[in-house]
Structures are given as C-alpha cells and as structure tokens.
Amino acid sequence: MSSNKSREWLLYNAVLTWLSHYGSMGSELTPDYKILEEELRQVYEQSNNTKTRKRGRSAKRQRTKETSSNPASTEESKATNQET
C-alpha cells in the first residue's frame, strides 16, 4: 500500500483521532493533546501553502558551431539594403 500523505498530515491526523476517541473521557492528557493539535495544524497548513519556486529562464541550446557565411554575399546584401 502506497500513501502520498505527508508526515505533517499523519501526525495531525493521529492527534485528531486520539482527541476524538479519548478527549471526551476527561483524560489528564487532553489539554496537552489540544495544544499539540493546534501546533500541528499550523505546521500542516504551512506545509500545504508552500509553493515550488520557478527557476530562472528556461534552458536553451548553445550554438556549437558558428554559421559560415560568404563575405561577398553579406556585402552584396548591405549594398542592396542601402539602395532601398
């Protein structure tokens, strides 16, 4: 059996279960469990509210080889651009 519950949820659930079964019986531990329940609830809520931060920009491939260009063709295109 695989469970995807967090440790915080399991602890919080265990304390809530104890309180629901034994809390009304007047146990001397009930006030301690109520305090523990409040602390664990806060921890559990904080663990739910944490968001995964995105990293910087996305990865891009590096150019491994420079493009070869004919110097004459770049001069020709510059001349053409100047005429227009």
N, C-alpha and C. Protein backbone atom coordinates (compact mmCIF):
# COMPACT_ATOMS: atom_id res chain seq x y z
N MET A 1 0.85 -1.18 0.00
CA MET A 1 0.00 0.00 0.00
C MET A 1 0.88 1.24 0.00
N SER A 2 0.68 2.09 -0.96
CA SER A 2 1.48 3.30 -1.09
C SER A 2 0.63 4.51 -0.67
N SER A 3 1.22 5.34 0.17
CA SER A 3 0.50 6.52 0.66
C SER A 3 1.29 7.77 0.29
N ASN A 4 0.59 8.77 -0.19
CA ASN A 4 1.26 10.01 -0.54
C ASN A 4 0.99 11.11 0.48
N LYS A 5 0.59 10.74 1.68
CA LYS A 5 0.32 11.72 2.72
C LYS A 5 1.64 12.19 3.34
N SER A 6 1.69 13.44 3.71
CA SER A 6 2.91 13.98 4.30
C SER A 6 3.02 13.58 5.77
N ARG A 7 4.21 13.71 6.28
CA ARG A 7 4.45 13.41 7.70
C ARG A 7 3.60 14.31 8.59
N GLU A 8 3.49 15.58 8.21
CA GLU A 8 2.69 16.53 8.98
C GLU A 8 1.23 16.10 9.04
N TRP A 9 0.71 15.64 7.91
CA TRP A 9 -0.68 15.20 7.87
C TRP A 9 -0.89 13.98 8.76
N LEU A 10 0.05 13.03 8.72
CA LEU A 10 -0.08 11.82 9.53
C LEU A 10 -0.08 12.15 11.03
N LEU A 11 0.82 13.02 11.45
CA LEU A 11 0.87 13.40 12.87
C LEU A 11 -0.40 14.14 13.28
N TYR A 12 -0.81 15.08 12.45
CA TYR A 12 -2.02 15.85 12.75
C TYR A 12 -3.24 14.93 12.82
N ASN A 13 -3.34 13.99 11.91
CA ASN A 13 -4.46 13.06 11.89
C ASN A 13 -4.44 12.14 13.12
N ALA A 14 -3.25 11.72 13.55
CA ALA A 14 -3.15 10.87 14.74
C ALA A 14 -3.63 11.60 15.99
N VAL A 15 -3.26 12.87 16.12
CA VAL A 15 -3.70 13.64 17.29
C VAL A 15 -5.20 13.87 17.24
N LEU A 16 -5.74 14.18 16.07
CA LEU A 16 -7.19 14.36 15.94
C LEU A 16 -7.93 13.07 16.28
N THR A 17 -7.39 11.94 15.86
CA THR A 17 -8.01 10.65 16.17
C THR A 17 -8.02 10.39 17.67
N TRP A 18 -6.89 10.66 18.32
CA TRP A 18 -6.81 10.47 19.77
C TRP A 18 -7.83 11.36 20.47
N LEU A 19 -7.91 12.62 20.05
CA LEU A 19 -8.86 13.54 20.68
C LEU A 19 -10.30 13.09 20.46
N SER A 20 -10.61 12.57 19.28
CA SER A 20 -12.00 12.16 19.04
C SER A 20 -12.36 10.90 19.83
N HIS A 21 -11.39 10.03 20.09
CA HIS A 21 -11.69 8.80 20.83
C HIS A 21 -11.56 8.97 22.35
N TYR A 22 -10.55 9.69 22.80
CA TYR A 22 -10.28 9.76 24.24
C TYR A 22 -10.45 11.16 24.85
N GLY A 23 -10.60 12.17 24.02
CA GLY A 23 -10.68 13.54 24.52
C GLY A 23 -11.89 13.82 25.40
N SER A 24 -13.00 13.17 25.11
CA SER A 24 -14.22 13.43 25.88
C SER A 24 -14.30 12.60 27.16
N MET A 25 -13.33 11.73 27.38
CA MET A 25 -13.34 10.88 28.57
C MET A 25 -12.72 11.56 29.79
N GLY A 26 -12.26 12.77 29.61
CA GLY A 26 -11.70 13.50 30.75
C GLY A 26 -10.30 13.07 31.12
N SER A 27 -9.53 12.64 30.14
CA SER A 27 -8.15 12.22 30.40
C SER A 27 -7.31 13.42 30.80
N GLU A 28 -6.31 13.18 31.61
CA GLU A 28 -5.42 14.28 32.03
C GLU A 28 -4.52 14.74 30.88
N LEU A 29 -4.44 13.96 29.83
CA LEU A 29 -3.62 14.31 28.67
C LEU A 29 -4.36 15.15 27.64
N THR A 30 -5.67 15.30 27.80
CA THR A 30 -6.47 16.02 26.81
C THR A 30 -5.99 17.44 26.57
N PRO A 31 -5.70 18.26 27.60
CA PRO A 31 -5.22 19.62 27.33
C PRO A 31 -3.90 19.63 26.54
N ASP A 32 -3.02 18.68 26.85
CA ASP A 32 -1.75 18.61 26.12
C ASP A 32 -1.99 18.25 24.65
N TYR A 33 -2.91 17.34 24.42
CA TYR A 33 -3.21 16.95 23.04
C TYR A 33 -3.89 18.09 22.28
N LYS A 34 -4.69 18.90 22.95
CA LYS A 34 -5.32 20.04 22.28
C LYS A 34 -4.28 21.07 21.87
N ILE A 35 -3.30 21.31 22.74
CA ILE A 35 -2.20 22.23 22.39
C ILE A 35 -1.40 21.67 21.22
N LEU A 36 -1.11 20.38 21.30
CA LEU A 36 -0.37 19.72 20.22
C LEU A 36 -1.15 19.76 18.91
N GLU A 37 -2.44 19.61 19.00
CA GLU A 37 -3.28 19.65 17.79
C GLU A 37 -3.20 21.01 17.12
N GLU A 38 -3.22 22.09 17.90
CA GLU A 38 -3.12 23.44 17.34
C GLU A 38 -1.76 23.66 16.67
N GLU A 39 -0.69 23.21 17.33
CA GLU A 39 0.64 23.36 16.76
C GLU A 39 0.77 22.57 15.45
N LEU A 40 0.29 21.34 15.47
CA LEU A 40 0.41 20.51 14.27
C LEU A 40 -0.48 21.01 13.14
N ARG A 41 -1.62 21.60 13.47
CA ARG A 41 -2.49 22.17 12.44
C ARG A 41 -1.78 23.30 11.72
N GLN A 42 -1.09 24.16 12.49
CA GLN A 42 -0.36 25.26 11.87
C GLN A 42 0.77 24.75 10.97
N VAL A 43 1.49 23.74 11.46
CA VAL A 43 2.58 23.17 10.66
C VAL A 43 2.03 22.53 9.39
N TYR A 44 0.92 21.81 9.53
CA TYR A 44 0.31 21.15 8.38
C TYR A 44 -0.19 22.17 7.35
N GLU A 45 -0.82 23.23 7.81
CA GLU A 45 -1.31 24.26 6.90
C GLU A 45 -0.15 24.96 6.19
N GLN A 46 0.94 25.20 6.92
CA GLN A 46 2.11 25.82 6.29
C GLN A 46 2.71 24.90 5.23
N SER A 47 2.73 23.61 5.50
CA SER A 47 3.30 22.68 4.53
C SER A 47 2.44 22.61 3.27
N ASN A 48 1.14 22.85 3.40
CA ASN A 48 0.26 22.86 2.23
C ASN A 48 0.40 24.14 1.43
N ASN A 49 0.76 25.23 2.08
CA ASN A 49 0.81 26.53 1.42
C ASN A 49 2.13 26.81 0.73
N THR A 50 3.14 25.99 0.94
CA THR A 50 4.42 26.24 0.29
C THR A 50 4.29 25.93 -1.19
N LYS A 51 4.80 26.81 -2.00
CA LYS A 51 4.74 26.63 -3.44
C LYS A 51 6.15 26.42 -3.97
N THR A 52 6.22 25.67 -5.01
CA THR A 52 7.51 25.43 -5.65
C THR A 52 7.90 26.67 -6.43
N ARG A 53 9.09 27.16 -6.14
CA ARG A 53 9.55 28.34 -6.85
C ARG A 53 10.08 27.94 -8.22
N LYS A 54 9.76 28.76 -9.18
CA LYS A 54 10.28 28.52 -10.52
C LYS A 54 11.71 29.00 -10.57
N ARG A 55 12.49 28.31 -11.34
CA ARG A 55 13.87 28.74 -11.55
C ARG A 55 13.87 29.85 -12.57
N GLY A 56 15.02 30.37 -12.85
CA GLY A 56 15.18 31.49 -13.79
C GLY A 56 14.60 31.19 -15.16
N ARG A 57 15.29 31.57 -16.17
CA ARG A 57 14.77 31.37 -17.52
C ARG A 57 14.92 29.93 -17.95
N SER A 58 14.20 29.57 -18.98
CA SER A 58 14.24 28.19 -19.45
C SER A 58 15.56 27.92 -20.17
N ALA A 59 15.94 26.67 -20.20
CA ALA A 59 17.21 26.29 -20.80
C ALA A 59 17.13 26.40 -22.32
N LYS A 60 18.19 26.87 -22.91
CA LYS A 60 18.28 26.98 -24.36
C LYS A 60 19.54 26.25 -24.81
N ARG A 61 19.49 25.70 -25.99
CA ARG A 61 20.67 25.03 -26.51
C ARG A 61 21.72 26.04 -26.89
N GLN A 62 22.95 25.66 -26.60
CA GLN A 62 24.06 26.52 -27.01
C GLN A 62 24.39 26.23 -28.46
N ARG A 63 24.85 27.25 -29.14
CA ARG A 63 25.33 27.04 -30.51
C ARG A 63 26.71 26.43 -30.42
N THR A 64 26.87 25.34 -31.10
CA THR A 64 28.16 24.66 -31.04
C THR A 64 29.04 25.02 -32.22
N LYS A 65 28.47 25.51 -33.28
CA LYS A 65 29.25 25.79 -34.47
C LYS A 65 28.78 27.11 -35.04
N GLU A 66 29.75 27.96 -35.39
CA GLU A 66 29.39 29.24 -35.97
C GLU A 66 28.91 29.04 -37.39
N THR A 67 27.95 29.80 -37.80
CA THR A 67 27.45 29.66 -39.16
C THR A 67 28.48 30.24 -40.12
N SER A 68 28.68 29.53 -41.19
CA SER A 68 29.65 30.03 -42.17
C SER A 68 28.89 30.90 -43.17
N SER A 69 29.43 32.03 -43.44
CA SER A 69 28.78 32.91 -44.41
C SER A 69 29.82 33.39 -45.40
N ASN A 70 29.38 33.65 -46.55
CA ASN A 70 30.24 34.14 -47.61
C ASN A 70 30.35 35.65 -47.44
N PRO A 71 31.55 36.20 -47.24
CA PRO A 71 31.67 37.65 -47.04
C PRO A 71 31.15 38.45 -48.22
N ALA A 72 31.25 37.93 -49.39
CA ALA A 72 30.76 38.65 -50.57
C ALA A 72 29.25 38.79 -50.53
N SER A 73 28.57 37.76 -50.08
CA SER A 73 27.12 37.82 -50.05
C SER A 73 26.62 38.81 -49.01
N THR A 74 27.33 38.97 -47.89
CA THR A 74 26.91 39.96 -46.88
C THR A 74 27.14 41.37 -47.39
N GLU A 75 28.23 41.58 -48.15
CA GLU A 75 28.48 42.91 -48.71
C GLU A 75 27.42 43.25 -49.74
N GLU A 76 27.03 42.27 -50.52
CA GLU A 76 26.02 42.48 -51.54
C GLU A 76 24.68 42.83 -50.92
N SER A 77 24.32 42.15 -49.82
CA SER A 77 23.05 42.43 -49.18
C SER A 77 23.07 43.79 -48.51
N LYS A 78 24.22 44.24 -48.02
CA LYS A 78 24.31 45.58 -47.42
C LYS A 78 24.09 46.64 -48.51
N ALA A 79 24.70 46.42 -49.65
CA ALA A 79 24.55 47.37 -50.75
C ALA A 79 23.10 47.44 -51.22
N THR A 80 22.45 46.32 -51.25
CA THR A 80 21.05 46.27 -51.66
C THR A 80 20.18 47.00 -50.64
N ASN A 81 20.47 46.83 -49.37
CA ASN A 81 19.69 47.49 -48.32
C ASN A 81 19.87 49.00 -48.33
N GLN A 82 21.04 49.46 -48.72
CA GLN A 82 21.29 50.90 -48.74
C GLN A 82 20.54 51.57 -49.87
N GLU A 83 20.34 50.87 -50.97
CA GLU A 83 19.67 51.45 -52.13
C GLU A 83 18.18 51.65 -51.88
N THR A 84 17.58 50.84 -51.01
CA THR A 84 16.14 50.92 -50.83
C THR A 84 15.74 51.99 -49.86
